[in-house]
Protein backbone atom coordinates (compact mmCIF):
# COMPACT_ATOMS: atom_id res chain seq x y z
CA UNK A 1 -124.72 68.82 -119.87
CA UNK A 2 -127.14 66.18 -118.42
CA UNK A 3 -124.92 63.30 -118.80
CA UNK A 4 -121.89 62.84 -121.15
CA UNK A 5 -122.63 64.58 -124.59
CA UNK A 6 -126.18 65.84 -123.94
CA UNK A 7 -126.44 69.57 -124.13
CA UNK A 8 -128.27 71.13 -121.17
CA UNK A 9 -129.87 74.66 -121.52
CA UNK A 10 -127.50 77.51 -121.00
CA UNK A 11 -128.88 80.16 -118.55
CA UNK A 12 -125.91 82.12 -117.98
CA UNK A 13 -125.12 80.89 -114.61
CA UNK A 14 -122.02 79.62 -113.19
CA UNK A 15 -122.87 76.06 -113.15
CA UNK A 16 -120.23 73.77 -114.51
CA UNK A 17 -120.61 71.16 -117.25
CA UNK A 18 -120.17 67.47 -115.69
CA UNK A 19 -119.75 64.17 -117.81
CA UNK A 20 -120.46 60.65 -116.96
CA UNK A 21 -117.55 58.54 -118.54
CA UNK A 22 -119.28 55.30 -117.82
CA UNK A 23 -121.70 55.72 -120.66
CA UNK A 24 -119.13 56.09 -123.21
CA UNK A 25 -119.53 53.95 -126.31
CA UNK A 26 -116.70 52.58 -128.23
CA UNK A 27 -115.91 55.54 -130.29
CA UNK A 28 -115.87 57.95 -127.33
CA UNK A 29 -113.51 55.87 -125.28
CA UNK A 30 -110.66 57.59 -127.08
CA UNK A 31 -112.25 60.96 -126.50
CA UNK A 32 -112.95 60.34 -122.77
CA UNK A 33 -109.50 61.51 -121.66
CA UNK A 34 -110.69 65.10 -122.94
CA UNK A 35 -113.58 65.12 -120.39
CA UNK A 36 -111.51 66.12 -117.30
CA UNK A 37 -109.80 68.80 -119.51
CA UNK A 38 -113.15 70.27 -120.48
CA UNK A 39 -114.50 70.27 -117.02
CA UNK A 40 -111.57 71.99 -115.72
CA UNK A 41 -111.63 74.45 -118.69
CA UNK A 42 -115.20 75.18 -117.94
CA UNK A 43 -114.49 76.10 -114.25
CA UNK A 44 -112.24 78.83 -115.59
CA UNK A 45 -112.89 79.92 -119.21
CA UNK A 46 -116.59 79.07 -118.83
CA UNK A 47 -117.23 82.17 -116.73
CA UNK A 48 -115.66 84.41 -119.49
CA UNK A 49 -117.95 85.93 -122.12
CA UNK A 50 -121.64 85.74 -122.91
CA UNK A 51 -123.83 82.77 -122.73
CA UNK A 52 -123.78 82.18 -126.44
CA UNK A 53 -120.16 81.23 -126.61
CA UNK A 54 -120.45 79.01 -123.37
CA UNK A 55 -123.38 76.96 -125.27
CA UNK A 56 -121.35 76.95 -128.52
CA UNK A 57 -118.45 75.31 -126.59
CA UNK A 58 -120.76 72.89 -124.86
CA UNK A 59 -122.49 71.75 -127.89
CA UNK A 60 -119.22 71.37 -129.95
CA UNK A 61 -117.71 69.18 -127.09
CA UNK A 62 -120.88 67.03 -127.10
CA UNK A 63 -120.49 66.53 -130.66
CA UNK A 64 -116.63 65.73 -130.31
CA UNK A 65 -117.63 63.17 -127.71
CA UNK A 66 -120.04 61.21 -129.92
CA UNK A 67 -118.11 61.54 -133.22
CA UNK A 68 -114.38 61.35 -132.06
CA UNK A 69 -111.61 61.79 -134.49
CA UNK A 70 -111.92 61.21 -138.17
CA UNK A 71 -110.84 57.64 -139.42
CA UNK A 72 -109.50 56.34 -142.51
CA UNK A 73 -112.91 54.79 -143.21
CA UNK A 74 -114.04 58.33 -144.36
CA UNK A 75 -113.10 59.15 -147.91
CA UNK A 76 -111.65 62.63 -146.96
CA UNK A 77 -109.31 60.93 -144.66
CA UNK A 78 -108.39 57.81 -146.45
CA UNK A 79 -104.79 58.49 -146.84
CA UNK A 80 -104.20 60.01 -143.50
CA UNK A 81 -104.26 58.22 -140.20
CA UNK A 82 -104.75 60.58 -137.00
CA UNK A 83 -103.87 57.65 -134.83
CA UNK A 84 -100.62 59.13 -133.23
CA UNK A 85 -102.71 62.23 -132.39
CA UNK A 86 -105.49 60.16 -130.87
CA UNK A 87 -103.19 58.09 -128.81
CA UNK A 88 -101.21 61.11 -127.39
CA UNK A 89 -102.06 62.16 -123.93
CA UNK A 90 -102.25 65.73 -124.34
CA UNK A 91 -102.59 68.57 -121.81
CA UNK A 92 -104.22 72.06 -122.74
CA UNK A 93 -101.63 74.80 -123.29
CA UNK A 94 -101.43 77.43 -120.63
CA UNK A 95 -101.31 81.01 -120.92
CA UNK A 96 -98.25 80.92 -118.52
CA UNK A 97 -95.57 82.35 -120.50
CA UNK A 98 -92.51 80.12 -121.07
CA UNK A 99 -89.08 81.66 -120.93
CA UNK A 100 -88.79 83.29 -124.27
CA UNK A 101 -86.69 86.28 -125.26
CA UNK A 102 -87.15 89.01 -127.78
CA UNK A 103 -84.16 87.83 -129.66
CA UNK A 104 -85.90 84.34 -130.05
CA UNK A 105 -89.01 85.82 -131.35
CA UNK A 106 -87.25 87.83 -133.82
CA UNK A 107 -85.15 84.97 -135.26
CA UNK A 108 -88.38 82.86 -135.70
CA UNK A 109 -90.17 85.66 -137.54
CA UNK A 110 -90.17 84.79 -141.29
CA UNK A 111 -89.47 88.42 -142.08
CA UNK A 112 -87.37 90.87 -140.10
CA UNK A 113 -89.05 94.00 -141.37
CA UNK A 114 -90.65 96.10 -138.91
CA UNK A 115 -94.18 95.17 -139.79
CA UNK A 116 -97.35 95.24 -137.33
CA UNK A 117 -97.67 91.97 -135.65
CA UNK A 118 -99.52 89.87 -133.15
CA UNK A 119 -97.46 87.25 -131.38
CA UNK A 120 -98.80 84.29 -129.83
CA UNK A 121 -97.18 81.60 -127.58
CA UNK A 122 -98.80 78.24 -127.44
CA UNK A 123 -101.93 79.66 -128.87
CA UNK A 124 -101.97 82.70 -126.34
CA UNK A 125 -101.66 86.27 -127.28
CA UNK A 126 -98.39 87.84 -125.91
CA UNK A 127 -98.57 91.74 -125.93
CA UNK A 128 -95.02 92.15 -125.03
CA UNK A 129 -93.74 90.63 -128.24
CA UNK A 130 -96.47 92.28 -130.47
CA UNK A 131 -96.62 95.69 -132.12
CA UNK A 132 -99.36 97.56 -133.59
CA UNK A 133 -98.87 101.07 -134.77
CA UNK A 134 -100.96 104.10 -134.14
CA UNK A 135 -101.94 103.84 -137.79
CA UNK A 136 -104.07 100.87 -136.85
CA UNK A 137 -106.05 102.40 -133.96
CA UNK A 138 -109.10 102.52 -136.04
CA UNK A 139 -108.90 98.94 -136.77
CA UNK A 140 -109.88 96.12 -134.63
CA UNK A 141 -106.76 94.09 -134.25
CA UNK A 142 -106.07 91.95 -131.18
CA UNK A 143 -106.98 88.62 -129.65
CA UNK A 144 -110.08 86.58 -129.75
CA UNK A 145 -109.69 86.17 -125.94
CA UNK A 146 -110.04 89.89 -125.37
CA UNK A 147 -112.95 90.23 -127.99
CA UNK A 148 -114.94 87.40 -126.30
CA UNK A 149 -115.47 89.95 -123.43
CA UNK A 150 -115.27 93.36 -124.94
CA UNK A 151 -116.65 92.77 -128.41
CA UNK A 152 -118.97 89.89 -127.85
CA UNK A 153 -121.79 90.98 -130.05
CA UNK A 154 -119.46 91.77 -133.00
CA UNK A 155 -117.66 88.35 -132.50
CA UNK A 156 -121.14 86.48 -132.44
CA UNK A 157 -121.75 87.67 -135.93
CA UNK A 158 -118.92 85.81 -137.31
CA UNK A 159 -117.26 83.29 -134.98
CA UNK A 160 -118.11 79.77 -135.81
CA UNK A 161 -120.66 80.78 -138.54
CA UNK A 162 -118.47 79.52 -141.27
CA UNK A 163 -116.36 76.76 -139.80
CA UNK A 164 -119.10 74.24 -138.37
CA UNK A 165 -118.07 72.38 -135.28
CA UNK A 166 -119.71 69.14 -136.80
CA UNK A 167 -117.46 69.26 -139.72
CA UNK A 168 -115.07 66.67 -138.12
CA UNK A 169 -113.55 65.85 -134.74
CA UNK A 170 -110.82 68.41 -134.97
CA UNK A 171 -113.08 71.30 -135.56
CA UNK A 172 -115.32 70.23 -132.88
CA UNK A 173 -112.35 70.01 -130.42
CA UNK A 174 -111.08 73.53 -131.40
CA UNK A 175 -114.64 74.93 -131.05
CA UNK A 176 -115.15 73.36 -127.62
CA UNK A 177 -111.97 74.88 -126.41
CA UNK A 178 -112.22 78.43 -128.06
CA UNK A 179 -110.06 80.64 -126.00
CA UNK A 180 -107.60 82.67 -127.98
CA UNK A 181 -106.34 83.51 -131.51
CA UNK A 182 -106.03 86.46 -133.63
CA UNK A 183 -108.92 88.77 -134.37
CA UNK A 184 -108.60 91.03 -137.28
CA UNK A 185 -111.32 93.18 -138.49
CA UNK A 186 -110.67 95.67 -141.18
CA UNK A 187 -113.49 98.35 -141.58
CA UNK A 188 -115.01 99.45 -144.91
CA UNK A 189 -112.78 101.35 -147.19
CA UNK A 190 -109.52 100.89 -145.31
CA UNK A 191 -106.22 99.72 -147.01
CA UNK A 192 -103.50 98.33 -145.01
CA UNK A 193 -100.33 99.70 -146.62
CA UNK A 194 -98.12 97.36 -144.85
CA UNK A 195 -98.68 93.63 -144.01
CA UNK A 196 -100.00 92.35 -140.62
CA UNK A 197 -97.94 89.57 -139.29
CA UNK A 198 -99.60 86.79 -137.19
CA UNK A 199 -96.78 84.73 -135.39
CA UNK A 200 -97.74 81.61 -133.64
CA UNK A 201 -94.77 80.24 -131.70
CA UNK A 202 -94.96 76.63 -130.05
CA UNK A 203 -92.75 75.11 -127.16
CA UNK A 204 -93.04 72.23 -124.93
CA UNK A 205 -89.59 72.42 -123.35
CA UNK A 206 -90.54 74.16 -120.13
CA UNK A 207 -93.94 72.15 -119.58
CA UNK A 208 -93.98 69.39 -116.70
CA UNK A 209 -97.45 67.96 -117.66
CA UNK A 210 -96.71 66.40 -120.82
CA UNK A 211 -97.41 67.03 -124.63
CA UNK A 212 -99.01 70.56 -125.40
CA UNK A 213 -102.20 70.82 -127.23
CA UNK A 214 -102.69 74.45 -128.60
CA UNK A 215 -105.94 75.28 -130.38
CA UNK A 216 -105.66 78.83 -131.86
CA UNK A 217 -109.13 80.23 -133.19
CA UNK A 218 -108.46 82.91 -135.63
CA UNK A 219 -111.05 85.20 -137.21
CA UNK A 220 -110.16 87.62 -140.00
CA UNK A 221 -112.85 90.01 -141.64
CA UNK A 222 -112.14 92.39 -144.33
CA UNK A 223 -114.85 94.95 -144.89
CA UNK A 224 -116.46 96.32 -148.20
CA UNK A 225 -113.74 97.80 -150.54
CA UNK A 226 -110.86 97.21 -148.10
CA UNK A 227 -107.59 95.67 -148.80
CA UNK A 228 -105.17 93.89 -146.65
CA UNK A 229 -102.05 91.69 -146.61
CA UNK A 230 -101.66 89.06 -143.70
CA UNK A 231 -98.68 86.90 -143.17
CA UNK A 232 -99.26 84.01 -140.82
CA UNK A 233 -96.58 81.85 -139.51
CA UNK A 234 -96.38 78.72 -137.29
CA UNK A 235 -92.87 78.09 -135.79
CA UNK A 236 -91.15 76.39 -133.00
CA UNK A 237 -88.49 77.08 -130.44
CA UNK A 238 -87.59 73.62 -129.93
CA UNK A 239 -88.02 70.13 -131.55
CA UNK A 240 -90.42 68.65 -128.93
CA UNK A 241 -93.57 66.78 -129.58
CA UNK A 242 -96.78 69.08 -129.50
CA UNK A 243 -100.06 69.59 -131.42
CA UNK A 244 -101.45 72.71 -132.98
CA UNK A 245 -105.12 72.21 -133.90
CA UNK A 246 -105.90 75.63 -135.84
CA UNK A 247 -109.11 77.02 -137.15
CA UNK A 248 -109.31 80.32 -139.13
CA UNK A 249 -112.46 81.78 -140.45
CA UNK A 250 -111.83 84.55 -143.22
CA UNK A 251 -114.64 86.70 -144.62
CA UNK A 252 -114.29 88.97 -147.40
CA UNK A 253 -117.17 91.47 -148.00
CA UNK A 254 -118.00 93.12 -151.24
CA UNK A 255 -115.06 94.29 -153.34
CA UNK A 256 -112.71 93.36 -150.36
CA UNK A 257 -109.24 92.01 -151.15
CA UNK A 258 -106.91 90.01 -149.15
CA UNK A 259 -103.47 88.69 -149.84
CA UNK A 260 -102.81 85.67 -147.42
CA UNK A 261 -99.51 83.99 -146.83
CA UNK A 262 -99.28 81.05 -144.60
CA UNK A 263 -95.97 79.44 -143.44
CA UNK A 264 -95.85 76.27 -141.54
CA UNK A 265 -92.45 75.41 -140.06
CA UNK A 266 -93.31 73.40 -136.96
CA UNK A 267 -91.08 71.23 -135.02
CA UNK A 268 -89.98 67.95 -136.75
CA UNK A 269 -91.99 66.09 -134.15
CA UNK A 270 -95.03 68.33 -134.06
CA UNK A 271 -98.66 67.44 -135.14
CA UNK A 272 -100.28 70.30 -137.13
CA UNK A 273 -103.96 70.27 -138.18
CA UNK A 274 -105.38 73.36 -139.96
CA UNK A 275 -108.97 74.21 -140.95
CA UNK A 276 -109.50 77.40 -142.85
CA UNK A 277 -112.70 78.71 -144.33
CA UNK A 278 -113.11 81.53 -146.63
CA UNK A 279 -116.42 83.11 -147.42
CA UNK A 280 -116.34 85.73 -150.29
CA UNK A 281 -118.85 88.31 -151.25
CA UNK A 282 -119.39 89.93 -154.58
CA UNK A 283 -116.21 90.99 -156.55
CA UNK A 284 -113.91 90.14 -153.56
CA UNK A 285 -110.59 88.66 -154.38
CA UNK A 286 -108.64 86.15 -152.24
CA UNK A 287 -105.01 85.25 -152.87
CA UNK A 288 -103.50 82.60 -150.80
CA UNK A 289 -99.87 81.09 -150.69
CA UNK A 290 -99.42 78.09 -148.40
CA UNK A 291 -96.00 76.77 -147.62
CA UNK A 292 -95.55 73.60 -145.62
CA UNK A 293 -91.85 72.98 -144.37
CA UNK A 294 -92.15 71.27 -140.88
CA UNK A 295 -94.29 68.89 -139.00
CA UNK A 296 -94.15 64.91 -138.67
CA UNK A 297 -97.99 64.78 -139.47
CA UNK A 298 -99.67 67.86 -141.23
CA UNK A 299 -103.22 67.92 -142.32
CA UNK A 300 -104.63 71.25 -144.02
CA UNK A 301 -108.18 71.93 -145.07
CA UNK A 302 -108.81 74.94 -147.09
CA UNK A 303 -112.46 75.55 -148.18
CA UNK A 304 -113.33 78.59 -150.20
CA UNK A 305 -116.98 79.59 -150.84
CA UNK A 306 -117.38 82.23 -153.65
CA UNK A 307 -121.01 83.03 -152.50
CA UNK A 308 -121.66 85.92 -154.72
CA UNK A 309 -121.05 86.84 -158.43
CA UNK A 310 -117.73 88.04 -159.69
CA UNK A 311 -115.54 86.67 -156.56
CA UNK A 312 -112.19 85.39 -157.28
CA UNK A 313 -109.78 83.22 -155.54
CA UNK A 314 -106.10 82.23 -156.34
CA UNK A 315 -104.55 79.41 -154.29
CA UNK A 316 -100.82 78.38 -154.49
CA UNK A 317 -99.09 75.98 -152.36
CA UNK A 318 -95.76 74.36 -151.75
CA UNK A 319 -94.74 71.45 -149.60
CA UNK A 320 -91.26 70.15 -148.95
CA UNK A 321 -91.07 67.08 -147.10
CA UNK A 322 -88.44 64.40 -146.11
CA UNK A 323 -87.61 61.67 -143.64
CA UNK A 324 -90.98 60.35 -142.35
CA UNK A 325 -92.95 63.50 -142.76
CA UNK A 326 -96.80 63.29 -143.75
CA UNK A 327 -98.32 66.25 -145.28
CA UNK A 328 -102.11 66.10 -146.51
CA UNK A 329 -103.49 69.14 -148.38
CA UNK A 330 -107.34 69.19 -149.09
CA UNK A 331 -108.91 72.10 -150.73
CA UNK A 332 -112.46 72.67 -151.87
CA UNK A 333 -113.66 75.74 -154.00
CA UNK A 334 -117.36 76.21 -154.16
CA UNK A 335 -118.83 78.07 -156.94
CA UNK A 336 -122.75 78.75 -156.47
CA UNK A 337 -122.84 81.90 -158.42
CA UNK A 338 -122.10 83.03 -161.91
CA UNK A 339 -118.82 84.54 -163.10
CA UNK A 340 -116.60 83.14 -160.44
CA UNK A 341 -112.99 82.55 -160.87
CA UNK A 342 -110.71 80.14 -159.18
CA UNK A 343 -107.01 78.88 -159.88
CA UNK A 344 -105.15 76.48 -157.88
CA UNK A 345 -101.57 75.49 -158.27
CA UNK A 346 -99.94 73.17 -155.73
CA UNK A 347 -96.56 71.77 -155.87
CA UNK A 348 -94.67 69.28 -153.68
CA UNK A 349 -90.99 68.14 -153.48
CA UNK A 350 -90.59 64.60 -151.50
CA UNK A 351 -87.67 63.22 -150.22
CA UNK A 352 -86.68 60.30 -147.88
CA UNK A 353 -89.76 58.06 -146.89
CA UNK A 354 -92.03 60.95 -146.82
CA UNK A 355 -95.65 60.95 -148.05
CA UNK A 356 -97.72 63.76 -149.45
CA UNK A 357 -101.52 63.87 -150.28
CA UNK A 358 -103.24 66.34 -152.37
CA UNK A 359 -107.15 66.21 -152.77
CA UNK A 360 -108.77 69.13 -154.53
CA UNK A 361 -112.34 69.69 -155.53
CA UNK A 362 -114.06 72.13 -157.57
CA UNK A 363 -117.74 72.36 -157.16
CA UNK A 364 -119.80 74.34 -159.78
CA UNK A 365 -123.39 74.55 -159.09
CA UNK A 366 -126.19 74.71 -162.00
CA UNK A 367 -126.50 78.53 -161.44
CA UNK A 368 -122.83 79.38 -161.61
CA UNK A 369 -122.60 79.95 -165.54
CA UNK A 370 -119.48 81.71 -166.78
CA UNK A 371 -117.33 79.99 -163.99
CA UNK A 372 -113.70 79.95 -164.94
CA UNK A 373 -111.95 77.30 -162.64
CA UNK A 374 -108.55 75.63 -162.96
CA UNK A 375 -106.59 73.30 -160.66
CA UNK A 376 -103.13 71.65 -160.80
CA UNK A 377 -101.01 69.59 -158.61
CA UNK A 378 -97.44 68.55 -159.47
CA UNK A 379 -95.18 66.42 -157.31
CA UNK A 380 -91.50 65.69 -157.76
CA UNK A 381 -90.09 62.68 -155.89
CA UNK A 382 -86.43 62.80 -155.07
CA UNK A 383 -86.42 59.19 -153.36
CA UNK A 384 -87.73 55.95 -154.56
CA UNK A 385 -89.25 55.60 -151.01
CA UNK A 386 -91.23 58.85 -151.21
CA UNK A 387 -94.95 58.43 -152.14
CA UNK A 388 -97.45 61.02 -153.40
CA UNK A 389 -101.20 60.60 -153.56
CA UNK A 390 -103.05 63.15 -155.92
CA UNK A 391 -106.65 63.41 -156.49
CA UNK A 392 -107.94 66.47 -158.48
CA UNK A 393 -111.67 66.58 -158.80
CA UNK A 394 -114.30 68.41 -160.87
CA UNK A 395 -118.11 68.37 -160.16
CA UNK A 396 -119.98 70.61 -162.71
CA UNK A 397 -123.67 71.15 -163.10
CA UNK A 398 -123.35 74.21 -165.18
CA UNK A 399 -122.70 74.18 -169.04
CA UNK A 400 -121.31 77.47 -170.01
CA UNK A 401 -118.02 77.09 -167.89
CA UNK A 402 -114.26 76.79 -168.42
CA UNK A 403 -112.81 74.32 -165.97
CA UNK A 404 -109.69 72.14 -165.99
CA UNK A 405 -107.84 69.89 -163.76
CA UNK A 406 -104.58 67.89 -163.71
CA UNK A 407 -102.02 66.17 -161.67
CA UNK A 408 -98.50 64.74 -162.09
CA UNK A 409 -96.12 62.73 -160.17
CA UNK A 410 -92.57 62.14 -161.41
CA UNK A 411 -88.70 61.95 -160.63
CA UNK A 412 -85.81 64.17 -161.60
CA UNK A 413 -85.07 63.86 -165.30
CA UNK A 414 -82.02 61.63 -165.64
CA UNK A 415 -80.88 63.23 -168.76
CA UNK A 416 -80.99 66.75 -167.34
CA UNK A 417 -79.18 65.47 -164.26
CA UNK A 418 -76.48 63.90 -166.56
CA UNK A 419 -76.13 67.14 -168.58
CA UNK A 420 -75.58 69.27 -165.52
CA UNK A 421 -73.05 66.67 -164.06
CA UNK A 422 -71.30 66.75 -167.37
CA UNK A 423 -70.69 70.33 -167.01
CA UNK A 424 -68.71 69.91 -163.84
CA UNK A 425 -71.71 70.55 -161.28
CA UNK A 426 -71.75 68.24 -158.41
CA UNK A 427 -74.63 65.78 -158.05
CA UNK A 428 -76.18 67.37 -155.08
CA UNK A 429 -76.00 70.79 -156.53
CA UNK A 430 -77.26 69.62 -159.81
CA UNK A 431 -80.44 67.95 -157.95
CA UNK A 432 -80.63 71.23 -156.08
CA UNK A 433 -80.95 73.15 -159.51
CA UNK A 434 -83.42 70.92 -160.97
CA UNK A 435 -85.58 70.86 -157.70
CA UNK A 436 -85.66 74.69 -157.67
CA UNK A 437 -86.37 74.90 -161.48
CA UNK A 438 -89.48 72.70 -160.68
């Protein structure tokens, strides 16, 4: 780059991007601490892969430096302050593997079945903990880092084509430091009979440089008439502070089907920011279940584009919060074509002084006749100090559609609680029963 934030031509050489922090404006002063991180990153990872990915990283970092992190002045971030992330002096996660045992990995997995799995530690692929059976040999399942070198042309057709780095500061930062993550490509007509597990383990315990920032970049492509189930989990070995800034791009081609389960069970002191973009072709089906249990500050953005006629998506979410946790879920379902179907149901149970945000939008274009779209958000407050902000939205420009949205925030029913207690059930157990019923 010629000066801070100005993209320079990429010629495929080994020259290193340099920055001039003296010309930072007010907004980029907070991002200036990432300049030496990016310069060091370019000296190592900048030499890996084709020119296109180097240019992508450089342009994304330039955008990050000028835009900075999102603020509460932006409507989409009105209820969530990322100040704690902005102020934390992070260092980039290293591929040097901390001391982790197979037994620890097995305890952290959400399922003990012998599924095919890719395991990542602090965002880096760990082959010794992963397992892919011979039946998966004709599939492309592995790490983005390996694909950058060995499958560059295939990767270029999809990577960063759906999640734009100018979406916000977090997507720009992730794109600038694209290094590793899960790469899953299911060819046409293939059916994965057993789920594929993606396990992302975080730890800061053995680092000496400070708070770890990991930025997994995941790419999932399901080919025409193929079917797969993916279970993705984010877990922690310890209760240290760290940040996961995750971007996932999912592409479903014609008549493809994907069942996608995502579990976030980070450290109670962790920051977790996730951006997921789903692009659906004709008659494809995307079913998603997302569960948030951990993290002190969590933001999830899920954007689904039903790009062609007959595409369907089903989004379910559950968040359980306590203490000082803050969990923010944003969904956007885009219906540009006819006969699309989308159903959303997100539920939250809040305790302590925790806060939860749900903002869901259904956008129906003029040509999207026969759209069937429904959205519901329900929140149960177990504490008088817990807070839920909910904002379901419909924006409809077609007239032949069936669209509904609704939201509710309430507390445990006192009569039901009294009834259970009068039958000899203790208060804590009665509250648990009613919460489970919710």
